[in-house]
Amino acid sequence: MRRILSILTAIFCASIAGVILTFSISASAAASEVTLRVMSWNCHKGGTAWNGADQVTGPTAEAQKMFESGADVIGLQEVRAPHRTIFKAELERLSGATWY
C-alpha cells in the first residue's frame, strides 16, 4: 500500500510539472514487472493552437504528439468542450484502443 501511495504522489507531482514518468511495478518477486508511462498535457488555449518549436497547431496535431510519446495514461488540462471529442477520436484512431 505504501508503494502505491508513493506512486500516486509521484503521478500527482508530475501532473503539476507536466512531465512523463515511467514506473516499474511488481506485486511480488515472482511477478513480472509492468511499465506504466504517465503524461500530463496542458492544452494551450483549450486545444485551439500551440505554436512551439515544431509549430504544432490544433487538437488533431496535439493528439498526434501525445500518441508519439508512447504514454499509457495521458491527463489533459484546459481542454475546451468541443475539442474533447476530437482528442478522444484521434487518439483512438491512432492507437486502435479505447480512450476515456
Protein backbone atom coordinates (compact mmCIF):
# COMPACT_ATOMS: atom_id res chain seq x y z
CA MET A 1 0.00 0.00 0.00
CA ARG A 2 2.84 2.40 0.83
CA ARG A 3 4.37 1.82 -2.64
CA ILE A 4 1.04 2.58 -4.32
CA LEU A 5 0.73 5.82 -2.36
CA SER A 6 4.27 6.77 -3.35
CA ILE A 7 3.46 6.13 -7.00
CA LEU A 8 0.22 8.13 -6.82
CA THR A 9 2.09 11.01 -5.15
CA ALA A 10 4.70 10.95 -7.92
CA ILE A 11 1.97 10.96 -10.59
CA PHE A 12 0.29 13.94 -8.95
CA CYS A 13 3.57 15.86 -8.75
CA ALA A 14 4.34 15.02 -12.37
CA SER A 15 0.94 16.29 -13.49
CA ILE A 16 1.76 19.62 -11.89
CA ALA A 17 5.19 19.70 -13.55
CA GLY A 18 3.90 18.43 -16.92
CA VAL A 19 6.36 15.58 -17.42
CA ILE A 20 6.28 11.95 -18.48
CA LEU A 21 7.06 9.38 -15.78
CA THR A 22 7.89 5.71 -16.22
CA PHE A 23 7.21 3.28 -13.37
CA SER A 24 8.09 -0.37 -12.94
CA ILE A 25 5.62 -2.09 -10.65
CA SER A 26 5.74 -5.67 -9.38
CA ALA A 27 3.38 -7.30 -6.89
CA SER A 28 5.90 -9.93 -5.81
CA ALA A 29 9.36 -11.17 -6.65
CA ALA A 30 7.82 -13.90 -8.80
CA ALA A 31 5.65 -11.46 -10.80
CA SER A 32 6.90 -9.87 -13.98
CA GLU A 33 7.36 -6.11 -13.99
CA VAL A 34 4.93 -3.80 -15.76
CA THR A 35 5.93 -0.38 -17.03
CA LEU A 36 3.38 2.43 -16.86
CA ARG A 37 4.14 5.67 -18.74
CA VAL A 38 2.14 8.66 -17.49
CA MET A 39 1.90 12.01 -19.29
CA SER A 40 0.37 15.33 -18.35
CA TRP A 41 -0.59 17.58 -21.30
CA ASN A 42 -1.74 21.17 -20.90
CA CYS A 43 -3.76 22.13 -23.98
CA HIS A 44 -2.80 25.73 -24.69
CA LYS A 45 -5.94 27.81 -25.22
CA GLY A 46 -8.12 24.75 -24.75
CA GLY A 47 -6.61 22.85 -27.68
CA THR A 48 -7.14 25.50 -30.32
CA ALA A 49 -3.50 26.25 -31.06
CA TRP A 50 0.00 25.63 -29.82
CA ASN A 51 2.98 27.15 -31.56
CA GLY A 52 6.09 25.54 -30.12
CA ALA A 53 9.40 24.94 -31.83
CA ASP A 54 7.80 22.35 -34.12
CA GLN A 55 4.73 24.50 -34.92
CA VAL A 56 2.05 22.07 -33.71
CA THR A 57 -1.43 23.56 -34.08
CA GLY A 58 -4.89 22.25 -33.18
CA PRO A 59 -6.24 19.23 -31.32
CA THR A 60 -5.50 16.74 -34.11
CA ALA A 61 -1.81 17.66 -34.22
CA GLU A 62 -1.61 17.69 -30.41
CA ALA A 63 -3.18 14.21 -30.26
CA GLN A 64 -0.51 13.02 -32.71
CA LYS A 65 2.24 14.31 -30.39
CA MET A 66 0.56 12.64 -27.39
CA PHE A 67 0.38 9.33 -29.27
CA GLU A 68 4.01 9.58 -30.37
CA SER A 69 5.07 9.95 -26.72
CA GLY A 70 4.14 6.32 -26.05
CA ALA A 71 2.35 7.23 -22.81
CA ASP A 72 -0.15 4.71 -21.39
CA VAL A 73 -2.08 7.31 -19.40
CA ILE A 74 -2.49 10.93 -20.51
CA GLY A 75 -4.09 13.58 -18.34
CA LEU A 76 -5.34 16.61 -20.28
CA GLN A 77 -5.76 20.06 -18.74
CA GLU A 78 -7.61 23.11 -20.09
CA VAL A 79 -9.48 21.27 -22.85
CA ARG A 80 -12.46 23.13 -24.25
CA ALA A 81 -15.64 21.09 -24.55
CA PRO A 82 -15.77 20.95 -28.39
CA HIS A 83 -12.22 19.59 -28.55
CA ARG A 84 -12.69 16.73 -26.06
CA THR A 85 -14.30 14.54 -28.70
CA ILE A 86 -11.58 15.42 -31.24
CA PHE A 87 -8.78 14.42 -28.85
CA LYS A 88 -10.56 11.18 -27.92
CA ALA A 89 -11.40 10.22 -31.51
CA GLU A 90 -7.92 11.00 -32.80
CA LEU A 91 -6.15 9.06 -30.02
CA GLU A 92 -8.47 6.10 -30.63
CA ARG A 93 -7.83 6.27 -34.39
CA LEU A 94 -4.06 6.38 -33.91
CA SER A 95 -3.83 3.69 -31.23
CA GLY A 96 -6.73 1.38 -32.10
CA ALA A 97 -7.66 1.40 -28.38
CA THR A 98 -10.48 2.97 -26.37
CA TRP A 99 -9.58 6.20 -24.56
CA TYR A 100 -11.57 7.64 -21.67
